[in-house]
């Protein structure tokens, strides 16, 4: 854990949420959010041997279940690995929690969300995890802040509200632009290298 980052009650709630998301994945959740919803129902039944889940943890877990497909799509697009199964399960759980917050929790800055995620993986995962998680989440943050994402979100909302399932190409969503790639905070490209080369090396090491 970073000496500069103290585990507050909110950090602990995020970690508890990530623990449950991780456990659901180990139970074979894959892309089926019902496994996570079932596990959340189990965890909400308090026993003498259990510490009750914080309300914020419950909110996060339910949010991840409701948005799992969109969350995983964003992680897949920016992690640049063959599949989510190539990402360490602990790191994936923490990133799912963080991406939900960036999508749905307007009360917290995305920079703080990323800092929290890095602090959690630093305390429970591998030495390479903080840099990898930082690179992926920061790329997602930039994508969500782009005008292209705003257009896509707006069109997706309109598509859900519409009662007509039109097949005309005029209503197709525009192809997603290539995600912005950036080095972890504070890192500099090697002499003669580019940001693209540096991030490729980082992901290969991971």
N, C-alpha and C. Protein backbone atom coordinates (compact mmCIF):
# COMPACT_ATOMS: atom_id res chain seq x y z
N UNK A 1 0.85 -1.20 0.00
CA UNK A 1 0.00 0.00 0.00
C UNK A 1 0.88 1.24 0.00
N UNK A 2 0.52 2.22 -0.77
CA UNK A 2 1.28 3.45 -0.85
C UNK A 2 1.29 4.15 0.51
N UNK A 3 2.47 4.68 0.87
CA UNK A 3 2.57 5.40 2.14
C UNK A 3 1.75 6.67 2.11
N UNK A 4 1.54 7.19 0.88
CA UNK A 4 0.79 8.43 0.76
C UNK A 4 -0.72 8.22 0.80
N UNK A 5 -1.16 6.96 0.70
CA UNK A 5 -2.59 6.72 0.61
C UNK A 5 -3.08 5.95 1.83
N UNK A 6 -4.02 6.52 2.53
CA UNK A 6 -4.58 5.87 3.71
C UNK A 6 -5.90 5.20 3.35
N UNK A 7 -6.09 3.98 3.83
CA UNK A 7 -7.33 3.26 3.56
C UNK A 7 -8.47 3.85 4.39
N UNK A 8 -9.27 4.67 3.76
CA UNK A 8 -10.42 5.26 4.43
C UNK A 8 -11.58 4.26 4.41
N UNK A 9 -12.69 4.64 5.03
CA UNK A 9 -13.86 3.75 5.03
C UNK A 9 -14.38 3.54 3.61
N UNK A 10 -14.26 4.55 2.76
CA UNK A 10 -14.70 4.41 1.36
C UNK A 10 -13.77 3.47 0.60
N UNK A 11 -12.46 3.58 0.87
CA UNK A 11 -11.51 2.66 0.23
C UNK A 11 -11.81 1.23 0.63
N UNK A 12 -12.07 1.03 1.91
CA UNK A 12 -12.37 -0.31 2.41
C UNK A 12 -13.66 -0.83 1.78
N UNK A 13 -14.65 0.04 1.59
CA UNK A 13 -15.90 -0.38 0.95
C UNK A 13 -15.66 -0.79 -0.50
N UNK A 14 -14.79 -0.05 -1.18
CA UNK A 14 -14.44 -0.42 -2.56
C UNK A 14 -13.74 -1.78 -2.60
N UNK A 15 -12.84 -1.99 -1.63
CA UNK A 15 -12.14 -3.28 -1.58
C UNK A 15 -13.10 -4.43 -1.28
N UNK A 16 -14.04 -4.21 -0.36
CA UNK A 16 -15.04 -5.24 -0.06
C UNK A 16 -15.86 -5.56 -1.31
N UNK A 17 -16.22 -4.52 -2.05
CA UNK A 17 -16.98 -4.73 -3.29
C UNK A 17 -16.16 -5.53 -4.28
N UNK A 18 -14.88 -5.18 -4.42
CA UNK A 18 -14.00 -5.91 -5.34
C UNK A 18 -13.85 -7.37 -4.91
N UNK A 19 -13.82 -7.61 -3.60
CA UNK A 19 -13.74 -8.99 -3.10
C UNK A 19 -14.94 -9.82 -3.57
N UNK A 20 -16.13 -9.22 -3.49
CA UNK A 20 -17.35 -9.94 -3.90
C UNK A 20 -17.36 -10.14 -5.41
N UNK A 21 -16.95 -9.13 -6.17
CA UNK A 21 -16.88 -9.26 -7.63
C UNK A 21 -15.89 -10.36 -8.00
N UNK A 22 -14.75 -10.39 -7.30
CA UNK A 22 -13.75 -11.43 -7.53
C UNK A 22 -14.33 -12.82 -7.25
N UNK A 23 -15.02 -12.95 -6.12
CA UNK A 23 -15.59 -14.26 -5.76
C UNK A 23 -16.62 -14.72 -6.79
N UNK A 24 -17.43 -13.77 -7.28
CA UNK A 24 -18.42 -14.12 -8.30
C UNK A 24 -17.72 -14.62 -9.56
N UNK A 25 -16.60 -13.99 -9.91
CA UNK A 25 -15.84 -14.41 -11.09
C UNK A 25 -15.29 -15.82 -10.89
N UNK A 26 -14.85 -16.12 -9.68
CA UNK A 26 -14.35 -17.46 -9.40
C UNK A 26 -15.46 -18.51 -9.43
N UNK A 27 -16.69 -18.07 -9.25
CA UNK A 27 -17.84 -18.97 -9.35
C UNK A 27 -18.33 -19.13 -10.79
N UNK A 28 -17.59 -18.55 -11.72
CA UNK A 28 -17.94 -18.71 -13.12
C UNK A 28 -18.86 -17.63 -13.65
N UNK A 29 -18.76 -16.41 -13.12
CA UNK A 29 -19.65 -15.34 -13.56
C UNK A 29 -19.48 -15.06 -15.05
N UNK A 30 -18.22 -14.92 -15.51
CA UNK A 30 -18.01 -14.59 -16.91
C UNK A 30 -18.74 -13.32 -17.26
N UNK A 31 -19.67 -13.41 -18.24
CA UNK A 31 -20.46 -12.24 -18.63
C UNK A 31 -21.88 -12.31 -18.10
N UNK A 32 -22.13 -13.24 -17.15
CA UNK A 32 -23.47 -13.42 -16.61
C UNK A 32 -23.59 -12.71 -15.25
N UNK A 33 -24.20 -11.53 -15.22
CA UNK A 33 -24.27 -10.76 -13.97
C UNK A 33 -25.16 -11.38 -12.91
N UNK A 34 -25.99 -12.36 -13.28
CA UNK A 34 -26.87 -12.99 -12.30
C UNK A 34 -26.08 -13.70 -11.20
N UNK A 35 -24.89 -14.21 -11.56
CA UNK A 35 -24.05 -14.86 -10.55
C UNK A 35 -23.64 -13.84 -9.48
N UNK A 36 -23.32 -12.64 -9.92
CA UNK A 36 -22.94 -11.58 -8.98
C UNK A 36 -24.14 -11.14 -8.15
N UNK A 37 -25.31 -11.04 -8.77
CA UNK A 37 -26.51 -10.64 -8.03
C UNK A 37 -26.85 -11.70 -6.96
N UNK A 38 -26.73 -12.98 -7.32
CA UNK A 38 -27.01 -14.06 -6.35
C UNK A 38 -26.04 -13.99 -5.17
N UNK A 39 -24.77 -13.75 -5.46
CA UNK A 39 -23.78 -13.66 -4.40
C UNK A 39 -24.04 -12.45 -3.50
N UNK A 40 -24.46 -11.35 -4.10
CA UNK A 40 -24.78 -10.16 -3.30
C UNK A 40 -25.94 -10.46 -2.36
N UNK A 41 -26.95 -11.18 -2.85
CA UNK A 41 -28.07 -11.56 -1.97
C UNK A 41 -27.58 -12.39 -0.79
N UNK A 42 -26.63 -13.30 -1.06
CA UNK A 42 -26.07 -14.12 0.02
C UNK A 42 -25.35 -13.24 1.04
N UNK A 43 -24.56 -12.31 0.55
CA UNK A 43 -23.75 -11.47 1.43
C UNK A 43 -24.60 -10.50 2.25
N UNK A 44 -25.80 -10.22 1.81
CA UNK A 44 -26.66 -9.30 2.54
C UNK A 44 -27.38 -10.01 3.70
N UNK A 45 -27.29 -11.33 3.76
CA UNK A 45 -27.85 -12.08 4.88
C UNK A 45 -26.78 -12.12 5.97
N UNK A 46 -27.01 -11.42 7.04
CA UNK A 46 -26.00 -11.26 8.09
C UNK A 46 -26.01 -12.47 9.02
N UNK A 47 -24.81 -12.99 9.28
CA UNK A 47 -24.67 -14.06 10.27
C UNK A 47 -23.69 -13.59 11.34
N UNK A 48 -23.62 -14.34 12.42
CA UNK A 48 -22.73 -13.96 13.52
C UNK A 48 -21.27 -13.97 13.09
N UNK A 49 -20.94 -14.78 12.07
CA UNK A 49 -19.55 -14.92 11.65
C UNK A 49 -19.16 -13.91 10.57
N UNK A 50 -20.08 -13.10 10.12
CA UNK A 50 -19.81 -12.20 9.02
C UNK A 50 -19.87 -10.73 9.44
N UNK A 51 -19.05 -9.95 8.81
CA UNK A 51 -19.14 -8.50 8.95
C UNK A 51 -20.05 -7.99 7.86
N UNK A 52 -21.08 -7.24 8.20
CA UNK A 52 -22.01 -6.78 7.16
C UNK A 52 -21.32 -5.92 6.11
N UNK A 53 -21.79 -6.05 4.88
CA UNK A 53 -21.25 -5.23 3.80
C UNK A 53 -21.65 -3.78 4.00
N UNK A 54 -20.73 -2.84 3.82
CA UNK A 54 -21.11 -1.43 3.88
C UNK A 54 -22.12 -1.11 2.78
N UNK A 55 -22.95 -0.14 3.02
CA UNK A 55 -23.97 0.24 2.03
C UNK A 55 -23.33 0.65 0.71
N UNK A 56 -22.17 1.31 0.79
CA UNK A 56 -21.50 1.73 -0.44
C UNK A 56 -21.02 0.52 -1.24
N UNK A 57 -20.57 -0.53 -0.54
CA UNK A 57 -20.16 -1.77 -1.22
C UNK A 57 -21.34 -2.38 -1.97
N UNK A 58 -22.49 -2.39 -1.31
CA UNK A 58 -23.70 -2.95 -1.93
C UNK A 58 -24.07 -2.16 -3.18
N UNK A 59 -23.98 -0.84 -3.08
CA UNK A 59 -24.28 0.01 -4.23
C UNK A 59 -23.34 -0.29 -5.40
N UNK A 60 -22.06 -0.45 -5.10
CA UNK A 60 -21.07 -0.74 -6.15
C UNK A 60 -21.35 -2.09 -6.80
N UNK A 61 -21.56 -3.12 -5.98
CA UNK A 61 -21.76 -4.47 -6.51
C UNK A 61 -22.99 -4.53 -7.39
N UNK A 62 -24.09 -3.94 -6.93
CA UNK A 62 -25.31 -3.91 -7.74
C UNK A 62 -25.07 -3.15 -9.04
N UNK A 63 -24.30 -2.06 -8.95
CA UNK A 63 -24.00 -1.27 -10.14
C UNK A 63 -23.16 -2.03 -11.14
N UNK A 64 -22.17 -2.77 -10.65
CA UNK A 64 -21.33 -3.58 -11.54
C UNK A 64 -22.18 -4.64 -12.24
N UNK A 65 -23.09 -5.28 -11.48
CA UNK A 65 -23.96 -6.29 -12.08
C UNK A 65 -24.84 -5.68 -13.17
N UNK A 66 -25.38 -4.51 -12.92
CA UNK A 66 -26.29 -3.87 -13.88
C UNK A 66 -25.56 -3.36 -15.13
N UNK A 67 -24.26 -3.10 -14.99
CA UNK A 67 -23.50 -2.52 -16.11
C UNK A 67 -22.35 -3.41 -16.57
N UNK A 68 -22.41 -4.71 -16.24
CA UNK A 68 -21.26 -5.58 -16.47
C UNK A 68 -20.81 -5.61 -17.93
N UNK A 69 -21.75 -5.71 -18.84
CA UNK A 69 -21.38 -5.82 -20.25
C UNK A 69 -20.65 -4.55 -20.73
N UNK A 70 -21.15 -3.39 -20.34
CA UNK A 70 -20.53 -2.14 -20.74
C UNK A 70 -19.16 -1.98 -20.09
N UNK A 71 -19.06 -2.35 -18.81
CA UNK A 71 -17.79 -2.26 -18.09
C UNK A 71 -16.74 -3.15 -18.74
N UNK A 72 -17.10 -4.40 -18.99
CA UNK A 72 -16.14 -5.34 -19.57
C UNK A 72 -15.75 -4.94 -20.99
N UNK A 73 -16.68 -4.34 -21.72
CA UNK A 73 -16.36 -3.88 -23.07
C UNK A 73 -15.29 -2.79 -23.03
N UNK A 74 -15.40 -1.88 -22.08
CA UNK A 74 -14.41 -0.81 -21.95
C UNK A 74 -13.04 -1.36 -21.53
N UNK A 75 -13.04 -2.28 -20.57
CA UNK A 75 -11.77 -2.87 -20.12
C UNK A 75 -11.11 -3.63 -21.26
N UNK A 76 -11.90 -4.42 -21.97
CA UNK A 76 -11.39 -5.19 -23.11
C UNK A 76 -10.77 -4.30 -24.17
N UNK A 77 -11.43 -3.17 -24.47
CA UNK A 77 -10.98 -2.28 -25.53
C UNK A 77 -9.66 -1.59 -25.19
N UNK A 78 -9.40 -1.39 -23.89
CA UNK A 78 -8.22 -0.61 -23.51
C UNK A 78 -7.10 -1.44 -22.88
N UNK A 79 -7.38 -2.66 -22.48
CA UNK A 79 -6.34 -3.49 -21.86
C UNK A 79 -5.40 -4.07 -22.90
N UNK A 80 -5.87 -4.18 -24.14
CA UNK A 80 -5.05 -4.69 -25.24
C UNK A 80 -4.49 -6.08 -24.93
N UNK A 81 -5.32 -6.95 -24.42
CA UNK A 81 -4.96 -8.35 -24.21
C UNK A 81 -5.98 -9.20 -24.97
N UNK A 82 -5.64 -10.46 -25.30
CA UNK A 82 -6.54 -11.30 -26.10
C UNK A 82 -7.92 -11.51 -25.49
N UNK A 83 -8.04 -11.46 -24.18
CA UNK A 83 -9.33 -11.66 -23.52
C UNK A 83 -9.22 -11.30 -22.06
N UNK A 84 -10.40 -11.08 -21.42
CA UNK A 84 -10.37 -10.70 -20.01
C UNK A 84 -9.77 -11.79 -19.13
N UNK A 85 -9.81 -13.04 -19.61
CA UNK A 85 -9.23 -14.13 -18.83
C UNK A 85 -7.71 -14.04 -18.74
N UNK A 86 -7.10 -13.17 -19.54
CA UNK A 86 -5.65 -12.98 -19.48
C UNK A 86 -5.25 -11.94 -18.44
N UNK A 87 -6.24 -11.30 -17.86
CA UNK A 87 -5.98 -10.31 -16.80
C UNK A 87 -6.09 -11.01 -15.44
N UNK A 88 -5.18 -10.71 -14.54
CA UNK A 88 -5.26 -11.29 -13.20
C UNK A 88 -6.63 -11.02 -12.61
N UNK A 89 -7.24 -12.06 -12.04
CA UNK A 89 -8.63 -11.96 -11.57
C UNK A 89 -8.82 -10.84 -10.53
N UNK A 90 -7.83 -10.68 -9.66
CA UNK A 90 -7.93 -9.62 -8.65
C UNK A 90 -7.93 -8.25 -9.31
N UNK A 91 -7.03 -8.07 -10.28
CA UNK A 91 -6.94 -6.78 -10.98
C UNK A 91 -8.22 -6.50 -11.75
N UNK A 92 -8.79 -7.53 -12.36
CA UNK A 92 -10.03 -7.37 -13.13
C UNK A 92 -11.16 -6.93 -12.21
N UNK A 93 -11.26 -7.55 -11.03
CA UNK A 93 -12.32 -7.19 -10.08
C UNK A 93 -12.19 -5.73 -9.65
N UNK A 94 -10.97 -5.30 -9.35
CA UNK A 94 -10.75 -3.92 -8.92
C UNK A 94 -11.08 -2.95 -10.06
N UNK A 95 -10.69 -3.31 -11.28
CA UNK A 95 -10.97 -2.42 -12.42
C UNK A 95 -12.47 -2.36 -12.72
N UNK A 96 -13.18 -3.46 -12.56
CA UNK A 96 -14.64 -3.43 -12.77
C UNK A 96 -15.29 -2.45 -11.80
N UNK A 97 -14.85 -2.48 -10.55
CA UNK A 97 -15.38 -1.54 -9.55
C UNK A 97 -15.05 -0.10 -9.96
N UNK A 98 -13.81 0.14 -10.36
CA UNK A 98 -13.39 1.49 -10.73
C UNK A 98 -14.11 2.01 -11.96
N UNK A 99 -14.29 1.15 -12.96
CA UNK A 99 -14.98 1.59 -14.18
C UNK A 99 -16.44 1.91 -13.88
N UNK A 100 -17.08 1.13 -13.02
CA UNK A 100 -18.46 1.47 -12.64
C UNK A 100 -18.52 2.87 -12.04
N UNK A 101 -17.55 3.16 -11.15
CA UNK A 101 -17.55 4.49 -10.52
C UNK A 101 -17.36 5.60 -11.55
N UNK A 102 -16.47 5.37 -12.51
CA UNK A 102 -16.24 6.40 -13.53
C UNK A 102 -17.48 6.60 -14.40
N UNK A 103 -18.24 5.52 -14.59
CA UNK A 103 -19.45 5.62 -15.40
C UNK A 103 -20.63 6.23 -14.65
N UNK A 104 -20.79 5.86 -13.37
CA UNK A 104 -22.04 6.15 -12.68
C UNK A 104 -21.94 7.02 -11.43
N UNK A 105 -20.76 7.13 -10.84
CA UNK A 105 -20.65 7.86 -9.58
C UNK A 105 -20.12 9.28 -9.84
N UNK A 106 -21.04 10.22 -10.01
CA UNK A 106 -20.66 11.60 -10.31
C UNK A 106 -20.09 12.34 -9.10
N UNK A 107 -20.17 11.75 -7.93
CA UNK A 107 -19.71 12.43 -6.71
C UNK A 107 -18.20 12.36 -6.54
N UNK A 108 -17.55 11.48 -7.31
CA UNK A 108 -16.11 11.28 -7.13
C UNK A 108 -15.39 11.51 -8.45
N UNK A 109 -14.28 12.23 -8.40
CA UNK A 109 -13.48 12.48 -9.59
C UNK A 109 -12.87 11.17 -10.10
N UNK A 110 -12.83 10.99 -11.42
CA UNK A 110 -12.19 9.79 -11.98
C UNK A 110 -10.74 9.63 -11.53
N UNK A 111 -10.03 10.74 -11.33
CA UNK A 111 -8.64 10.65 -10.87
C UNK A 111 -8.57 10.00 -9.49
N UNK A 112 -9.51 10.36 -8.62
CA UNK A 112 -9.55 9.76 -7.28
C UNK A 112 -9.90 8.28 -7.39
N UNK A 113 -10.85 7.95 -8.27
CA UNK A 113 -11.25 6.55 -8.47
C UNK A 113 -10.03 5.72 -8.89
N UNK A 114 -9.24 6.24 -9.82
CA UNK A 114 -8.06 5.52 -10.29
C UNK A 114 -7.03 5.38 -9.18
N UNK A 115 -6.83 6.44 -8.41
CA UNK A 115 -5.89 6.40 -7.29
C UNK A 115 -6.30 5.35 -6.26
N UNK A 116 -7.61 5.27 -6.00
CA UNK A 116 -8.11 4.26 -5.06
C UNK A 116 -7.84 2.85 -5.60
N UNK A 117 -8.11 2.64 -6.88
CA UNK A 117 -7.90 1.32 -7.49
C UNK A 117 -6.44 0.91 -7.42
N UNK A 118 -5.55 1.85 -7.71
CA UNK A 118 -4.11 1.56 -7.67
C UNK A 118 -3.68 1.20 -6.25
N UNK A 119 -4.20 1.92 -5.27
CA UNK A 119 -3.86 1.64 -3.87
C UNK A 119 -4.31 0.25 -3.45
N UNK A 120 -5.50 -0.15 -3.92
CA UNK A 120 -6.02 -1.47 -3.56
C UNK A 120 -5.19 -2.58 -4.19
N UNK A 121 -4.90 -2.47 -5.50
CA UNK A 121 -4.12 -3.54 -6.14
C UNK A 121 -2.69 -3.57 -5.61
N UNK A 122 -2.17 -2.40 -5.23
CA UNK A 122 -0.82 -2.37 -4.67
C UNK A 122 -0.76 -3.17 -3.37
N UNK A 123 -1.87 -3.19 -2.64
CA UNK A 123 -1.88 -3.88 -1.34
C UNK A 123 -2.20 -5.37 -1.46
N UNK A 124 -2.82 -5.80 -2.58
CA UNK A 124 -3.28 -7.19 -2.65
C UNK A 124 -2.84 -7.95 -3.90
N UNK A 125 -2.19 -7.27 -4.86
CA UNK A 125 -1.87 -7.95 -6.10
C UNK A 125 -0.37 -7.93 -6.37
N UNK A 126 0.02 -8.10 -7.63
CA UNK A 126 1.43 -8.24 -7.99
C UNK A 126 2.12 -6.89 -8.11
N UNK A 127 3.44 -6.93 -8.24
CA UNK A 127 4.22 -5.69 -8.36
C UNK A 127 3.93 -4.95 -9.66
N UNK A 128 3.57 -5.67 -10.72
CA UNK A 128 3.29 -5.03 -12.00
C UNK A 128 1.86 -4.52 -12.10
N UNK A 129 1.00 -4.93 -11.17
CA UNK A 129 -0.42 -4.58 -11.25
C UNK A 129 -0.71 -3.08 -11.18
N UNK A 130 -0.08 -2.33 -10.26
CA UNK A 130 -0.42 -0.90 -10.19
C UNK A 130 -0.20 -0.16 -11.51
N UNK A 131 0.92 -0.41 -12.18
CA UNK A 131 1.20 0.27 -13.45
C UNK A 131 0.21 -0.14 -14.52
N UNK A 132 -0.10 -1.43 -14.57
CA UNK A 132 -1.04 -1.93 -15.59
C UNK A 132 -2.44 -1.35 -15.35
N UNK A 133 -2.92 -1.43 -14.12
CA UNK A 133 -4.25 -0.92 -13.79
C UNK A 133 -4.32 0.58 -14.06
N UNK A 134 -3.27 1.31 -13.70
CA UNK A 134 -3.24 2.75 -13.94
C UNK A 134 -3.34 3.04 -15.44
N UNK A 135 -2.57 2.32 -16.27
CA UNK A 135 -2.57 2.56 -17.71
C UNK A 135 -3.94 2.29 -18.32
N UNK A 136 -4.56 1.18 -17.93
CA UNK A 136 -5.86 0.81 -18.50
C UNK A 136 -6.95 1.80 -18.05
N UNK A 137 -7.01 2.07 -16.75
CA UNK A 137 -8.06 2.96 -16.24
C UNK A 137 -7.89 4.39 -16.75
N UNK A 138 -6.65 4.85 -16.90
CA UNK A 138 -6.45 6.20 -17.39
C UNK A 138 -6.88 6.31 -18.86
N UNK A 139 -6.64 5.25 -19.64
CA UNK A 139 -7.09 5.25 -21.03
C UNK A 139 -8.63 5.27 -21.09
N UNK A 140 -9.27 4.53 -20.19
CA UNK A 140 -10.74 4.53 -20.13
C UNK A 140 -11.24 5.91 -19.72
N UNK A 141 -10.57 6.53 -18.75
CA UNK A 141 -10.97 7.87 -18.30
C UNK A 141 -10.95 8.85 -19.47
N UNK A 142 -9.90 8.82 -20.26
CA UNK A 142 -9.79 9.73 -21.39
C UNK A 142 -10.86 9.44 -22.44
N UNK A 143 -11.16 8.16 -22.63
CA UNK A 143 -12.20 7.79 -23.60
C UNK A 143 -13.55 8.33 -23.15
N UNK A 144 -13.86 8.16 -21.86
CA UNK A 144 -15.16 8.61 -21.34
C UNK A 144 -15.29 10.13 -21.39
N UNK A 145 -14.16 10.83 -21.32
CA UNK A 145 -14.20 12.29 -21.36
C UNK A 145 -14.25 12.84 -22.78
N UNK A 146 -14.10 11.98 -23.79
CA UNK A 146 -14.05 12.45 -25.17
C UNK A 146 -15.43 12.71 -25.72
N UNK A 147 -15.54 13.64 -26.68
CA UNK A 147 -16.83 13.91 -27.33
C UNK A 147 -17.40 12.67 -28.01
N UNK A 148 -16.51 11.81 -28.51
CA UNK A 148 -16.97 10.60 -29.20
C UNK A 148 -17.77 9.72 -28.25
N UNK A 149 -17.32 9.62 -26.97
CA UNK A 149 -18.05 8.80 -26.00
C UNK A 149 -19.42 9.41 -25.72
N UNK A 150 -19.49 10.74 -25.59
CA UNK A 150 -20.76 11.41 -25.33
C UNK A 150 -21.76 11.12 -26.44
N UNK A 151 -21.28 11.14 -27.68
CA UNK A 151 -22.17 10.84 -28.80
C UNK A 151 -22.65 9.41 -28.76
N UNK A 152 -21.72 8.49 -28.46
CA UNK A 152 -22.10 7.07 -28.41
C UNK A 152 -23.13 6.82 -27.31
N UNK A 153 -22.90 7.41 -26.11
CA UNK A 153 -23.80 7.21 -24.98
C UNK A 153 -25.20 7.72 -25.32
N UNK A 154 -25.23 8.89 -25.95
CA UNK A 154 -26.52 9.51 -26.31
C UNK A 154 -27.29 8.64 -27.29
N UNK A 155 -26.58 8.12 -28.25
CA UNK A 155 -27.24 7.29 -29.25
C UNK A 155 -27.69 5.96 -28.65
N UNK A 156 -26.89 5.41 -27.71
CA UNK A 156 -27.28 4.16 -27.05
C UNK A 156 -28.54 4.36 -26.23
N UNK A 157 -28.63 5.50 -25.53
CA UNK A 157 -29.82 5.79 -24.73
C UNK A 157 -31.05 5.90 -25.62
N UNK A 158 -30.90 6.57 -26.75
CA UNK A 158 -32.03 6.72 -27.67
C UNK A 158 -32.46 5.36 -28.22
N UNK A 159 -31.49 4.49 -28.46
CA UNK A 159 -31.81 3.18 -29.01
C UNK A 159 -32.60 2.35 -28.01
N UNK A 160 -32.27 2.49 -26.70
CA UNK A 160 -32.99 1.73 -25.67
C UNK A 160 -34.42 2.24 -25.50
N UNK A 161 -34.59 3.54 -25.62
CA UNK A 161 -35.91 4.13 -25.41
C UNK A 161 -36.83 3.83 -26.57
N UNK A 162 -36.31 3.76 -27.76
CA UNK A 162 -37.12 3.54 -28.97
C UNK A 162 -37.82 2.19 -28.93
N UNK A 163 -39.10 2.18 -29.35
CA UNK A 163 -39.86 0.92 -29.39
C UNK A 163 -39.67 0.22 -30.73
N UNK A 164 -39.10 0.90 -31.70
CA UNK A 164 -38.95 0.32 -33.03
C UNK A 164 -37.55 -0.23 -33.20
N UNK A 165 -37.47 -1.48 -33.65
CA UNK A 165 -36.18 -2.10 -33.89
C UNK A 165 -35.86 -1.99 -35.38
N UNK A 166 -35.32 -0.85 -35.77
CA UNK A 166 -35.03 -0.61 -37.18
C UNK A 166 -33.67 -1.18 -37.54
N UNK A 167 -33.59 -1.72 -38.75
CA UNK A 167 -32.34 -2.33 -39.19
C UNK A 167 -31.59 -1.45 -40.16
N UNK A 168 -32.07 -0.25 -40.43
CA UNK A 168 -31.44 0.65 -41.38
C UNK A 168 -30.05 1.03 -40.91
N UNK A 169 -29.13 1.10 -41.85
CA UNK A 169 -27.75 1.45 -41.50
C UNK A 169 -27.65 2.87 -40.99
N UNK A 170 -28.65 3.70 -41.26
CA UNK A 170 -28.64 5.08 -40.78
C UNK A 170 -28.66 5.14 -39.27
N UNK A 171 -29.18 4.06 -38.61
CA UNK A 171 -29.32 4.06 -37.15
C UNK A 171 -28.20 3.33 -36.44
N UNK A 172 -27.22 2.85 -37.20
CA UNK A 172 -26.13 2.13 -36.56
C UNK A 172 -25.24 3.11 -35.81
N UNK A 173 -24.68 2.62 -34.68
CA UNK A 173 -23.78 3.46 -33.91
C UNK A 173 -22.47 3.59 -34.66
N UNK A 174 -21.81 4.73 -34.57
CA UNK A 174 -20.53 4.88 -35.25
C UNK A 174 -19.49 3.95 -34.64
N UNK A 175 -18.53 3.51 -35.45
CA UNK A 175 -17.49 2.61 -34.96
C UNK A 175 -16.70 3.33 -33.87
N UNK A 176 -16.33 2.56 -32.83
CA UNK A 176 -15.59 3.16 -31.72
C UNK A 176 -14.20 3.55 -32.18
N UNK A 177 -13.81 4.75 -31.84
CA UNK A 177 -12.48 5.21 -32.20
C UNK A 177 -11.45 4.46 -31.36
N UNK A 178 -10.25 4.35 -31.93
CA UNK A 178 -9.18 3.68 -31.20
C UNK A 178 -8.94 4.39 -29.89
N UNK A 179 -8.85 3.65 -28.76
CA UNK A 179 -8.68 4.29 -27.46
C UNK A 179 -7.36 5.04 -27.36
N UNK A 180 -7.38 6.14 -26.61
CA UNK A 180 -6.16 6.90 -26.39
C UNK A 180 -5.25 6.09 -25.50
N UNK A 181 -4.00 5.97 -25.86
CA UNK A 181 -3.06 5.19 -25.07
C UNK A 181 -2.09 6.14 -24.38
N UNK A 182 -1.85 5.90 -23.10
CA UNK A 182 -0.96 6.78 -22.35
C UNK A 182 -0.15 5.98 -21.37
N UNK A 183 1.03 6.49 -21.03
CA UNK A 183 1.86 5.83 -20.03
C UNK A 183 1.31 6.11 -18.64
N UNK A 184 1.66 5.26 -17.65
CA UNK A 184 1.24 5.53 -16.27
C UNK A 184 1.75 6.90 -15.84
N UNK A 185 1.06 7.50 -14.87
CA UNK A 185 1.41 8.84 -14.40
C UNK A 185 2.86 8.88 -13.96
N UNK A 186 3.59 9.88 -14.46
CA UNK A 186 4.98 10.06 -14.06
C UNK A 186 5.98 9.34 -14.91
N UNK A 187 5.54 8.39 -15.76
CA UNK A 187 6.46 7.62 -16.60
C UNK A 187 6.80 8.41 -17.84
N UNK A 188 8.04 8.23 -18.35
CA UNK A 188 8.46 8.92 -19.56
C UNK A 188 8.88 7.88 -20.60
N UNK A 189 8.63 8.16 -21.89
CA UNK A 189 9.06 7.22 -22.93
C UNK A 189 10.56 7.03 -22.89
N UNK A 190 11.03 5.81 -23.25
CA UNK A 190 12.45 5.57 -23.34
C UNK A 190 13.03 6.39 -24.48
N UNK A 191 14.33 6.69 -24.41
CA UNK A 191 14.96 7.48 -25.47
C UNK A 191 14.73 6.81 -26.81
N UNK A 192 14.24 7.59 -27.76
CA UNK A 192 14.02 7.06 -29.10
C UNK A 192 12.75 6.28 -29.23
N UNK A 193 12.00 6.09 -28.14
CA UNK A 193 10.77 5.31 -28.21
C UNK A 193 9.56 6.19 -28.18
N UNK A 194 8.42 5.60 -28.50
CA UNK A 194 7.17 6.34 -28.49
C UNK A 194 6.31 5.88 -27.34
N UNK A 195 5.24 6.62 -27.05
CA UNK A 195 4.28 6.21 -26.02
C UNK A 195 3.70 4.86 -26.39
N UNK A 196 3.39 4.64 -27.66
CA UNK A 196 2.82 3.36 -28.09
C UNK A 196 3.77 2.22 -27.78
N UNK A 197 5.09 2.39 -28.11
CA UNK A 197 6.07 1.34 -27.85
C UNK A 197 6.20 1.06 -26.37
N UNK A 198 6.21 2.13 -25.57
CA UNK A 198 6.39 1.99 -24.12
C UNK A 198 5.21 1.24 -23.51
N UNK A 199 3.97 1.57 -23.91
CA UNK A 199 2.81 0.90 -23.34
C UNK A 199 2.76 -0.55 -23.77
N UNK A 200 3.17 -0.83 -25.03
CA UNK A 200 3.23 -2.23 -25.49
C UNK A 200 4.17 -3.04 -24.62
N UNK A 201 5.35 -2.44 -24.29
CA UNK A 201 6.31 -3.15 -23.44
C UNK A 201 5.73 -3.38 -22.05
N UNK A 202 5.03 -2.38 -21.51
CA UNK A 202 4.42 -2.50 -20.19
C UNK A 202 3.42 -3.64 -20.15
N UNK A 203 2.55 -3.70 -21.18
CA UNK A 203 1.52 -4.74 -21.20
C UNK A 203 2.15 -6.13 -21.41
N UNK A 204 3.26 -6.19 -22.20
CA UNK A 204 3.93 -7.48 -22.40
C UNK A 204 4.53 -7.97 -21.10
N UNK A 205 5.12 -7.04 -20.31
CA UNK A 205 5.70 -7.43 -19.02
C UNK A 205 4.61 -7.93 -18.08
N UNK A 206 3.43 -7.30 -18.15
CA UNK A 206 2.32 -7.69 -17.28
C UNK A 206 1.91 -9.13 -17.58
